[in-house]
Amino acid sequence: MSSQRVKLISLGCSKNLVDSEHLLRQIAESGVEIVPAEAPYSADHALDVVVINTCGFIADAKEESVNTILEAVEAKRLGMVSKILVFGCLSQRYREELIKEIPEVDGFFGAFESREVLRAMGIPFKKSLCRQRYLTTPKHYAYLKISEGCNRHCAYCAIPGMRGKHISVPVEELVEEAKNLAAEGVKELIIIAQDITYYGLDLYGKRSLGRLLKELCRVEGIEWIRLHYSYPASFPKDVIAIMASEPKICKYMDIPLQHSSTKVLKAMKRGVDAKRTQELIDAFRKALPGITLRTTMMVGFPGEDAREFAKLMEFVRRNRFDRLGAFTYSEEEGTYAAEHYKDSVRAATKERRYAALMQLQSSISLENNSRRIGTQERVIVDSCSVGEGVWIARSRSESPEVDGIIKVAIPKGFSKPAQLVGSFIEVKITGADEYDLEAEMIL
């Protein structure tokens, strides 16, 4: 039995989090004490190893990763940490530079070198644990990563260079993992990948997301299945029909569109134009009335002039997305855009367009949320705040971490409210702002 104390800090996206949870399961099996990622460094409770799973997607993410590494280095200098191991996208992309710049780190590893990380800790890899996880999310929901890498070559994106080509996980292995998660109490699966719509092409010669969804719907204990990170080009239409017919699948779709102008989409190498983008949205709403659509937009891409930005604003006004995030274009080395386009939009213009887009979306979100006042909804309780007198919950229309929440008032005299965490309850929506909702429990 090991006496090591280990903390793993997972940065970036939920896909990274799944990698971290697979690694943590291997670590935990050896008897190591897993220290929560949010636990502060302390001389009184020194750590044997800090493992950092980094993100290298955009400038802000890279900065966060470097700062997290430097915090661990300072803790090591003060005797709070014995060893620092870094893996993930940032070290996959900049390993040699990091070795030179931060020599205090005991090992840098690529995104796919979890076995090497274990070896550096003196922990043997166990193949029998491959589809098992050490959950860091609340135990009632989990992310299920169905593939690795990406065969798309969007002009602005560095991910294919870091994560490689698309590789699907076989259906049988994903079903096994889902069953393992359900056995641990997971009720909601959030399907993720760099592009879930591409799933199966490499293994089965055709898009097979629909087949996978049908199999996952048969897993006992799983009650909600939610889809994230789909791609608009060549969207598998059978998935829409399956979403309409399978009650376990939430009528929720995260589909980053990036833009609505054909000119900008072509420059981005998205493989889709404005007409087909609109047709896909219309198809969702026709087949799935009331579907929650979440998307992401980019402003300030090279060539986006005032006319193209106006088209984007009009597109958002027309489609009234339930959730919309945005970011400004930043030049990423090694991408097609960095090598072939001039970053032609001034930083101040990018920020002004970003602010205008988010202000528009804020008003749309408030109107969308306000229409839910008075409705009855089934929600799952994520946490309990006895001090505030509320449960923090979500309906089928909210995904954890990225969407708003529903604050459900705990009825006066309710016994042991914390025991309802992870349970489904019926509520009536009583209030709304542009992000969150308020509700009362229906007794």
Protein backbone atom coordinates (compact mmCIF):
# COMPACT_ATOMS: atom_id res chain seq x y z
CA MET A 1 0.00 0.00 0.00
CA SER A 2 1.45 3.34 -1.10
CA SER A 3 1.64 6.27 1.32
CA GLN A 4 1.95 8.88 -1.42
CA ARG A 5 -0.28 11.96 -1.49
CA VAL A 6 -1.06 13.04 -5.04
CA LYS A 7 -3.00 15.97 -6.50
CA LEU A 8 -4.04 16.09 -10.14
CA ILE A 9 -5.07 19.43 -11.62
CA SER A 10 -7.01 19.16 -14.87
CA LEU A 11 -7.19 22.30 -17.02
CA GLY A 12 -9.08 23.12 -20.18
CA CYS A 13 -12.02 21.22 -21.61
CA SER A 14 -14.13 18.30 -20.42
CA LYS A 15 -12.23 16.05 -22.86
CA ASN A 16 -9.12 16.72 -20.80
CA LEU A 17 -11.09 15.95 -17.66
CA VAL A 18 -11.96 12.47 -18.94
CA ASP A 19 -8.26 11.79 -19.60
CA SER A 20 -7.50 12.93 -16.06
CA GLU A 21 -10.19 10.69 -14.58
CA HIS A 22 -8.85 7.63 -16.42
CA LEU A 23 -5.37 8.41 -15.10
CA LEU A 24 -6.66 9.00 -11.57
CA ARG A 25 -8.34 5.58 -11.57
CA GLN A 26 -4.96 3.96 -12.25
CA ILE A 27 -3.35 6.08 -9.54
CA ALA A 28 -6.06 5.38 -6.96
CA GLU A 29 -5.80 1.62 -7.55
CA SER A 30 -2.24 1.69 -6.21
CA GLY A 31 -3.43 2.93 -2.82
CA VAL A 32 -2.26 6.50 -3.29
CA GLU A 33 -4.20 9.19 -1.41
CA ILE A 34 -5.92 11.44 -3.96
CA VAL A 35 -5.97 15.06 -2.79
CA PRO A 36 -8.73 17.24 -4.31
CA ALA A 37 -7.50 19.56 -7.06
CA GLU A 38 -8.88 22.62 -5.26
CA ALA A 39 -7.02 21.85 -2.01
CA PRO A 40 -4.43 24.60 -1.30
CA TYR A 41 -0.74 23.82 -1.06
CA SER A 42 0.35 23.42 2.54
CA ALA A 43 3.63 22.78 4.34
CA ASP A 44 1.74 20.86 7.01
CA HIS A 45 0.24 18.51 4.41
CA ALA A 46 2.95 18.28 1.78
CA LEU A 47 2.27 16.49 -1.48
CA ASP A 48 4.46 13.80 -2.95
CA VAL A 49 3.36 14.51 -6.53
CA VAL A 50 1.41 17.19 -8.36
CA VAL A 51 0.22 16.15 -11.82
CA ILE A 52 -1.00 18.89 -14.16
CA ASN A 53 -3.04 18.12 -17.28
CA THR A 54 -2.56 21.22 -19.42
CA CYS A 55 -4.50 22.97 -22.18
CA GLY A 56 -2.81 24.63 -25.16
CA PHE A 57 -5.79 25.67 -27.28
CA ILE A 58 -5.74 29.48 -27.21
CA ALA A 59 -3.64 32.19 -25.57
CA ASP A 60 -5.73 32.45 -22.38
CA ALA A 61 -5.67 28.68 -21.88
CA LYS A 62 -1.91 28.52 -22.41
CA GLU A 63 -1.40 31.33 -19.91
CA GLU A 64 -3.54 29.54 -17.32
CA SER A 65 -1.55 26.34 -17.82
CA VAL A 66 1.81 28.08 -17.43
CA ASN A 67 0.64 29.97 -14.34
CA THR A 68 -0.61 26.72 -12.78
CA ILE A 69 2.76 25.08 -13.41
CA LEU A 70 4.58 28.06 -11.88
CA GLU A 71 2.36 27.92 -8.78
CA ALA A 72 3.35 24.28 -8.33
CA VAL A 73 7.01 25.20 -8.83
CA GLU A 74 6.75 27.81 -6.08
CA ALA A 75 5.08 25.26 -3.79
CA LYS A 76 7.94 22.85 -4.52
CA ARG A 77 10.48 25.54 -3.65
CA LEU A 78 8.72 26.03 -0.30
CA GLY A 79 8.78 22.31 0.46
CA MET A 80 5.07 21.75 -0.11
CA VAL A 81 5.56 19.47 -3.14
CA SER A 82 8.21 16.88 -3.88
CA LYS A 83 7.63 16.18 -7.57
CA ILE A 84 5.84 17.93 -10.46
CA LEU A 85 4.69 16.06 -13.57
CA VAL A 86 3.07 17.86 -16.51
CA PHE A 87 1.20 16.34 -19.44
CA GLY A 88 -1.55 17.25 -21.90
CA CYS A 89 -1.89 19.61 -24.84
CA LEU A 90 0.51 22.35 -23.77
CA SER A 91 3.41 19.97 -23.22
CA GLN A 92 2.46 18.04 -26.37
CA ARG A 93 2.86 21.28 -28.31
CA TYR A 94 5.73 23.01 -26.49
CA ARG A 95 7.62 20.27 -24.65
CA GLU A 96 11.15 21.33 -25.61
CA GLU A 97 10.50 24.99 -24.82
CA LEU A 98 8.95 24.10 -21.46
CA ILE A 99 11.87 21.89 -20.48
CA LYS A 100 14.22 24.82 -21.05
CA GLU A 101 12.04 27.48 -19.45
CA ILE A 102 10.79 25.57 -16.39
CA PRO A 103 13.53 23.09 -15.41
CA GLU A 104 12.05 22.69 -11.91
CA VAL A 105 9.38 20.39 -13.37
CA ASP A 106 10.40 16.75 -12.97
CA GLY A 107 8.82 15.52 -16.19
CA PHE A 108 6.94 16.82 -19.22
CA PHE A 109 4.79 14.34 -21.15
CA GLY A 110 2.60 14.50 -24.23
CA ALA A 111 -1.17 14.29 -24.38
CA PHE A 112 -1.13 10.52 -24.89
CA GLU A 113 1.61 9.53 -22.45
CA SER A 114 -0.40 8.68 -19.37
CA ARG A 115 1.46 5.39 -18.99
CA GLU A 116 4.73 7.32 -18.89
CA VAL A 117 3.26 9.57 -16.19
CA LEU A 118 2.38 6.49 -14.15
CA ARG A 119 5.87 5.09 -14.68
CA ALA A 120 7.38 8.34 -13.38
CA MET A 121 5.28 7.86 -10.24
CA GLY A 122 6.33 4.23 -9.85
CA ILE A 123 2.78 3.02 -10.49
CA PRO A 124 2.14 0.05 -12.82
CA PHE A 125 -0.42 0.45 -15.61
CA LYS A 126 -3.35 -1.98 -15.35
CA LYS A 127 -5.13 -2.79 -18.60
CA SER A 128 -8.14 -4.07 -16.67
CA LEU A 129 -8.86 -0.48 -15.57
CA CYS A 130 -8.88 1.04 -19.07
CA ARG A 131 -12.63 1.73 -19.16
CA GLN A 132 -12.87 2.74 -15.50
CA ARG A 133 -12.75 6.23 -14.04
CA TYR A 134 -12.14 8.11 -10.80
CA LEU A 135 -14.92 10.67 -11.05
CA THR A 136 -14.15 14.28 -10.21
CA THR A 137 -17.63 15.47 -11.21
CA PRO A 138 -20.59 15.01 -8.87
CA LYS A 139 -21.28 11.27 -8.91
CA HIS A 140 -24.62 11.57 -10.75
CA TYR A 141 -23.18 12.85 -14.06
CA ALA A 142 -20.12 12.11 -16.14
CA TYR A 143 -18.60 12.95 -19.49
CA LEU A 144 -18.13 10.14 -22.02
CA LYS A 145 -15.40 10.84 -24.59
CA ILE A 146 -16.22 8.83 -27.70
CA SER A 147 -13.22 9.69 -29.88
CA GLU A 148 -9.84 11.34 -29.91
CA GLY A 149 -8.37 13.84 -32.35
CA CYS A 150 -9.94 15.54 -35.35
CA ASN A 151 -9.85 15.17 -39.13
CA ARG A 152 -11.24 18.65 -39.68
CA HIS A 153 -8.75 21.34 -40.59
CA CYS A 154 -10.44 24.56 -39.59
CA ALA A 155 -8.12 27.41 -40.52
CA TYR A 156 -7.89 28.84 -36.97
CA CYS A 157 -7.58 25.62 -34.97
CA ALA A 158 -4.39 24.05 -33.62
CA ILE A 159 -6.07 20.98 -32.12
CA PRO A 160 -5.41 18.53 -35.00
CA GLY A 161 -1.73 19.36 -34.64
CA MET A 162 -1.84 18.56 -30.92
CA ARG A 163 -4.31 15.68 -30.75
CA GLY A 164 -3.79 14.01 -34.14
CA LYS A 165 -6.30 12.40 -36.46
CA HIS A 166 -9.77 11.26 -35.45
CA ILE A 167 -9.79 7.88 -33.68
CA SER A 168 -13.14 6.48 -32.54
CA VAL A 169 -13.51 4.34 -29.42
CA PRO A 170 -15.36 1.11 -30.32
CA VAL A 171 -19.04 1.00 -29.40
CA GLU A 172 -18.52 -2.02 -27.14
CA GLU A 173 -15.87 -0.25 -25.06
CA LEU A 174 -18.01 2.86 -24.65
CA VAL A 175 -21.00 0.79 -23.56
CA GLU A 176 -18.77 -0.97 -21.03
CA GLU A 177 -17.57 2.38 -19.70
CA ALA A 178 -21.15 3.66 -19.50
CA LYS A 179 -22.20 0.57 -17.54
CA ASN A 180 -19.28 1.08 -15.14
CA LEU A 181 -20.33 4.69 -14.64
CA ALA A 182 -23.97 3.75 -14.11
CA ALA A 183 -22.90 1.19 -11.51
CA GLU A 184 -21.21 4.04 -9.62
CA GLY A 185 -24.42 6.08 -9.59
CA VAL A 186 -24.11 8.13 -12.78
CA LYS A 187 -27.54 9.07 -14.18
CA GLU A 188 -26.53 11.56 -16.88
CA LEU A 189 -24.01 10.97 -19.66
CA ILE A 190 -22.61 13.94 -21.55
CA ILE A 191 -21.26 12.76 -24.91
CA ILE A 192 -18.13 14.62 -25.96
CA ALA A 193 -15.40 14.55 -28.58
CA GLN A 194 -13.68 17.10 -30.74
CA ASP A 195 -16.42 16.28 -33.28
CA ILE A 196 -19.04 13.74 -32.21
CA THR A 197 -20.66 13.73 -35.68
CA TYR A 198 -17.54 12.14 -37.22
CA TYR A 199 -17.81 9.18 -34.86
CA GLY A 200 -17.41 5.73 -36.42
CA LEU A 201 -16.12 6.69 -39.88
CA ASP A 202 -12.67 5.26 -39.14
CA LEU A 203 -13.96 2.06 -37.50
CA TYR A 204 -17.16 1.24 -39.37
CA GLY A 205 -16.85 3.12 -42.65
CA LYS A 206 -19.84 5.33 -41.89
CA ARG A 207 -21.02 7.85 -39.34
CA SER A 208 -22.20 5.78 -36.39
CA LEU A 209 -23.20 8.23 -33.68
CA GLY A 210 -26.81 7.11 -34.07
CA ARG A 211 -25.90 3.47 -33.49
CA LEU A 212 -23.87 4.40 -30.41
CA LEU A 213 -26.71 6.47 -28.97
CA LYS A 214 -29.15 3.58 -29.34
CA GLU A 215 -26.77 1.28 -27.47
CA LEU A 216 -26.20 3.81 -24.68
CA CYS A 217 -29.95 4.29 -24.26
CA ARG A 218 -30.15 0.61 -23.28
CA VAL A 219 -27.74 1.04 -20.36
CA GLU A 220 -29.74 0.57 -17.17
CA GLY A 221 -29.41 3.45 -14.73
CA ILE A 222 -28.66 6.11 -17.32
CA GLU A 223 -31.63 8.48 -17.55
CA TRP A 224 -30.31 11.47 -19.48
CA ILE A 225 -27.92 11.55 -22.45
CA ARG A 226 -26.69 14.94 -23.64
CA LEU A 227 -24.76 15.78 -26.83
CA HIS A 228 -21.84 18.21 -26.98
CA TYR A 229 -19.45 19.42 -29.67
CA SER A 230 -21.18 18.46 -32.89
CA TYR A 231 -20.08 19.83 -36.25
CA PRO A 232 -22.51 21.43 -38.74
CA ALA A 233 -20.99 20.07 -41.97
CA SER A 234 -22.44 16.67 -43.01
CA PHE A 235 -24.42 16.31 -39.80
CA PRO A 236 -25.80 12.73 -39.63
CA LYS A 237 -29.54 13.24 -40.10
CA ASP A 238 -30.42 9.90 -38.49
CA VAL A 239 -29.26 11.37 -35.18
CA ILE A 240 -32.07 13.93 -35.33
CA ALA A 241 -34.64 11.15 -35.75
CA ILE A 242 -33.10 9.15 -32.90
CA MET A 243 -33.16 12.20 -30.63
CA ALA A 244 -36.87 12.57 -31.39
CA SER A 245 -37.66 8.92 -30.64
CA GLU A 246 -35.42 8.13 -27.65
CA PRO A 247 -36.78 9.62 -24.40
CA LYS A 248 -33.42 9.34 -22.63
CA ILE A 249 -31.72 11.73 -25.07
CA CYS A 250 -32.09 15.35 -23.98
CA LYS A 251 -33.45 17.65 -26.66
CA TYR A 252 -30.24 19.62 -26.37
CA MET A 253 -27.49 20.17 -28.93
CA ASP A 254 -24.16 21.93 -28.55
CA ILE A 255 -23.16 22.80 -32.11
CA PRO A 256 -20.38 25.42 -32.44
CA LEU A 257 -21.18 27.28 -35.66
CA GLN A 258 -18.39 29.92 -35.41
CA HIS A 259 -20.03 32.26 -37.94
CA SER A 260 -22.97 32.73 -40.31
CA SER A 261 -21.32 34.50 -43.24
CA THR A 262 -20.50 32.25 -46.21
CA LYS A 263 -17.44 34.40 -46.92
CA VAL A 264 -16.09 34.00 -43.39
CA LEU A 265 -17.03 30.31 -43.14
CA LYS A 266 -15.16 29.62 -46.37
CA ALA A 267 -12.08 31.43 -45.09
CA MET A 268 -12.36 29.43 -41.85
CA LYS A 269 -12.46 26.19 -43.91
CA ARG A 270 -15.58 25.03 -42.09
CA GLY A 271 -16.96 23.01 -45.02
CA VAL A 272 -20.40 24.60 -44.77
CA ASP A 273 -22.07 27.80 -45.98
CA ALA A 274 -24.75 30.11 -44.61
CA LYS A 275 -27.61 28.37 -46.42
CA ARG A 276 -26.79 24.87 -45.16
CA THR A 277 -26.18 26.20 -41.66
CA GLN A 278 -29.65 27.71 -41.53
CA GLU A 279 -31.21 24.57 -43.03
CA LEU A 280 -29.66 22.46 -40.27
CA ILE A 281 -31.01 24.70 -37.52
CA ASP A 282 -34.44 24.61 -39.13
CA ALA A 283 -34.27 20.80 -39.33
CA PHE A 284 -33.50 20.58 -35.61
CA ARG A 285 -36.39 22.79 -34.66
CA LYS A 286 -38.86 21.10 -37.00
CA ALA A 287 -38.07 17.57 -35.77
CA LEU A 288 -37.43 18.52 -32.13
CA PRO A 289 -39.82 21.28 -31.05
CA GLY A 290 -38.45 23.10 -28.02
CA ILE A 291 -34.86 21.87 -28.54
CA THR A 292 -32.22 23.78 -26.61
CA LEU A 293 -29.50 24.94 -29.02
CA ARG A 294 -26.11 25.97 -27.69
CA THR A 295 -23.49 27.44 -30.01
CA THR A 296 -20.19 29.32 -30.11
CA MET A 297 -19.25 32.19 -32.40
CA MET A 298 -15.95 33.80 -33.31
CA VAL A 299 -15.62 37.49 -34.06
CA GLY A 300 -12.76 39.32 -35.74
CA PHE A 301 -11.60 36.51 -38.03
CA PRO A 302 -9.40 37.81 -40.89
CA GLY A 303 -11.66 39.24 -43.57
CA GLU A 304 -14.62 39.84 -41.27
CA ASP A 305 -15.64 43.38 -42.18
CA ALA A 306 -18.59 45.37 -40.86
CA ARG A 307 -20.92 43.80 -43.44
CA GLU A 308 -20.04 40.22 -42.48
CA PHE A 309 -20.37 41.03 -38.78
CA ALA A 310 -23.81 42.53 -39.45
CA LYS A 311 -24.81 39.23 -41.07
CA LEU A 312 -23.74 37.42 -37.91
CA MET A 313 -25.79 39.73 -35.72
CA GLU A 314 -28.86 39.29 -37.91
CA PHE A 315 -28.39 35.50 -37.88
CA VAL A 316 -28.34 35.50 -34.06
CA ARG A 317 -31.43 37.74 -33.91
CA ARG A 318 -33.28 35.38 -36.23
CA ASN A 319 -32.36 32.11 -34.54
CA ARG A 320 -32.48 33.21 -30.91
CA PHE A 321 -30.12 30.59 -29.54
CA ASP A 322 -30.78 29.43 -26.00
CA ARG A 323 -27.06 29.53 -25.22
CA LEU A 324 -24.35 31.39 -27.11
CA GLY A 325 -20.73 31.86 -26.20
CA ALA A 326 -18.20 33.85 -28.19
CA PHE A 327 -14.52 34.62 -28.39
CA THR A 328 -12.32 36.92 -30.39
CA TYR A 329 -9.96 35.54 -33.02
CA SER A 330 -6.37 35.11 -31.90
CA GLU A 331 -3.63 33.99 -34.23
CA GLU A 332 -2.35 30.53 -33.30
CA GLU A 333 1.02 29.43 -34.62
CA GLY A 334 0.98 26.41 -36.89
CA THR A 335 -2.55 27.02 -38.14
CA TYR A 336 -3.54 27.72 -41.73
CA ALA A 337 -4.87 31.16 -40.77
CA ALA A 338 -1.63 32.18 -39.07
CA GLU A 339 0.42 31.13 -42.08
CA HIS A 340 -1.82 32.43 -44.89
CA TYR A 341 -3.94 35.31 -43.53
CA LYS A 342 -3.16 38.70 -42.08
CA ASP A 343 -4.79 39.33 -38.73
CA SER A 344 -6.61 42.27 -40.29
CA VAL A 345 -9.20 43.20 -37.66
CA ARG A 346 -7.95 45.59 -35.00
CA ALA A 347 -8.05 44.39 -31.39
CA ALA A 348 -10.37 47.25 -30.37
CA THR A 349 -12.77 46.34 -33.18
CA LYS A 350 -12.78 42.70 -32.11
CA GLU A 351 -13.62 43.66 -28.54
CA ARG A 352 -16.36 46.04 -29.67
CA ARG A 353 -17.95 43.36 -31.85
CA TYR A 354 -17.67 40.80 -29.08
CA ALA A 355 -19.41 43.14 -26.63
CA ALA A 356 -22.20 43.89 -29.11
CA LEU A 357 -22.80 40.22 -29.83
CA MET A 358 -22.90 39.27 -26.16
CA GLN A 359 -25.20 42.17 -25.33
CA LEU A 360 -27.58 40.95 -28.03
CA GLN A 361 -27.41 37.40 -26.73
CA SER A 362 -27.99 38.59 -23.17
CA SER A 363 -31.31 40.14 -24.16
CA ILE A 364 -32.30 37.02 -26.11
CA SER A 365 -31.39 34.77 -23.18
CA LEU A 366 -33.45 36.88 -20.79
CA GLU A 367 -36.49 36.67 -23.07
CA ASN A 368 -36.04 32.92 -23.56
CA ASN A 369 -35.69 32.31 -19.83
CA SER A 370 -38.63 34.57 -18.96
CA ARG A 371 -40.92 32.46 -21.14
CA ARG A 372 -40.23 29.52 -18.84
CA ILE A 373 -41.74 31.25 -15.80
CA GLY A 374 -44.80 29.31 -14.68
CA THR A 375 -43.78 26.05 -16.37
CA GLN A 376 -43.30 22.75 -14.57
CA GLU A 377 -39.97 21.02 -15.20
CA ARG A 378 -38.11 17.93 -14.08
CA VAL A 379 -34.66 18.78 -12.74
CA ILE A 380 -31.68 16.98 -11.29
CA VAL A 381 -30.18 18.36 -8.08
CA ASP A 382 -26.45 19.05 -8.44
CA SER A 383 -25.75 20.43 -4.98
CA CYS A 384 -27.33 21.81 -1.83
CA SER A 385 -26.68 25.17 -0.17
CA VAL A 386 -28.41 25.01 3.19
CA GLY A 387 -27.07 28.45 4.09
CA GLU A 388 -28.77 30.03 1.08
CA GLY A 389 -31.79 27.77 1.43
CA VAL A 390 -31.60 26.43 -2.12
CA TRP A 391 -30.79 23.40 -4.19
CA ILE A 392 -28.69 24.04 -7.30
CA ALA A 393 -30.35 22.10 -10.11
CA ARG A 394 -30.57 21.70 -13.88
CA SER A 395 -33.26 20.65 -16.32
CA ARG A 396 -32.76 18.92 -19.67
CA SER A 397 -32.05 22.41 -21.04
CA GLU A 398 -28.95 23.05 -18.89
CA SER A 399 -25.60 21.33 -19.16
CA PRO A 400 -23.26 21.44 -16.16
CA GLU A 401 -20.46 24.00 -15.96
CA VAL A 402 -21.29 25.82 -19.21
CA ASP A 403 -24.96 26.80 -18.80
CA GLY A 404 -27.00 28.59 -16.16
CA ILE A 405 -28.51 26.96 -13.09
CA ILE A 406 -31.91 26.64 -11.47
CA LYS A 407 -32.05 27.71 -7.83
CA VAL A 408 -34.80 25.71 -6.16
CA ALA A 409 -36.02 27.00 -2.79
CA ILE A 410 -35.79 24.34 -0.08
CA PRO A 411 -39.25 24.12 1.55
CA LYS A 412 -39.32 25.23 5.18
CA GLY A 413 -38.87 22.33 7.53
CA PHE A 414 -37.63 20.02 4.80
CA SER A 415 -35.68 17.23 6.47
CA LYS A 416 -32.12 16.51 5.34
CA PRO A 417 -32.14 18.44 2.02
CA ALA A 418 -28.59 17.33 1.17
CA GLN A 419 -29.88 13.80 0.65
CA LEU A 420 -31.65 14.95 -2.52
CA VAL A 421 -28.37 15.72 -4.32
CA GLY A 422 -28.27 13.54 -7.42
CA SER A 423 -32.06 13.03 -7.39
CA PHE A 424 -34.70 14.14 -9.88
CA ILE A 425 -37.47 16.40 -8.59
CA GLU A 426 -40.38 18.33 -10.11
CA VAL A 427 -40.29 22.12 -9.85
CA LYS A 428 -42.22 25.18 -10.97
CA ILE A 429 -40.16 28.00 -12.49
CA THR A 430 -40.85 31.23 -10.59
CA GLY A 431 -38.19 33.70 -11.74
CA ALA A 432 -35.54 34.30 -14.37
CA ASP A 433 -32.61 36.47 -15.38
CA GLU A 434 -30.43 36.21 -18.48
CA TYR A 435 -28.45 33.31 -17.04
CA ASP A 436 -30.23 31.55 -14.19
CA LEU A 437 -33.72 30.55 -13.10
CA GLU A 438 -35.50 30.34 -9.77
CA ALA A 439 -38.00 27.64 -8.87
CA GLU A 440 -40.13 26.07 -6.17
CA MET A 441 -40.32 22.35 -5.47
CA ILE A 442 -43.65 20.73 -6.31
CA LEU A 443 -44.52 18.65 -3.27
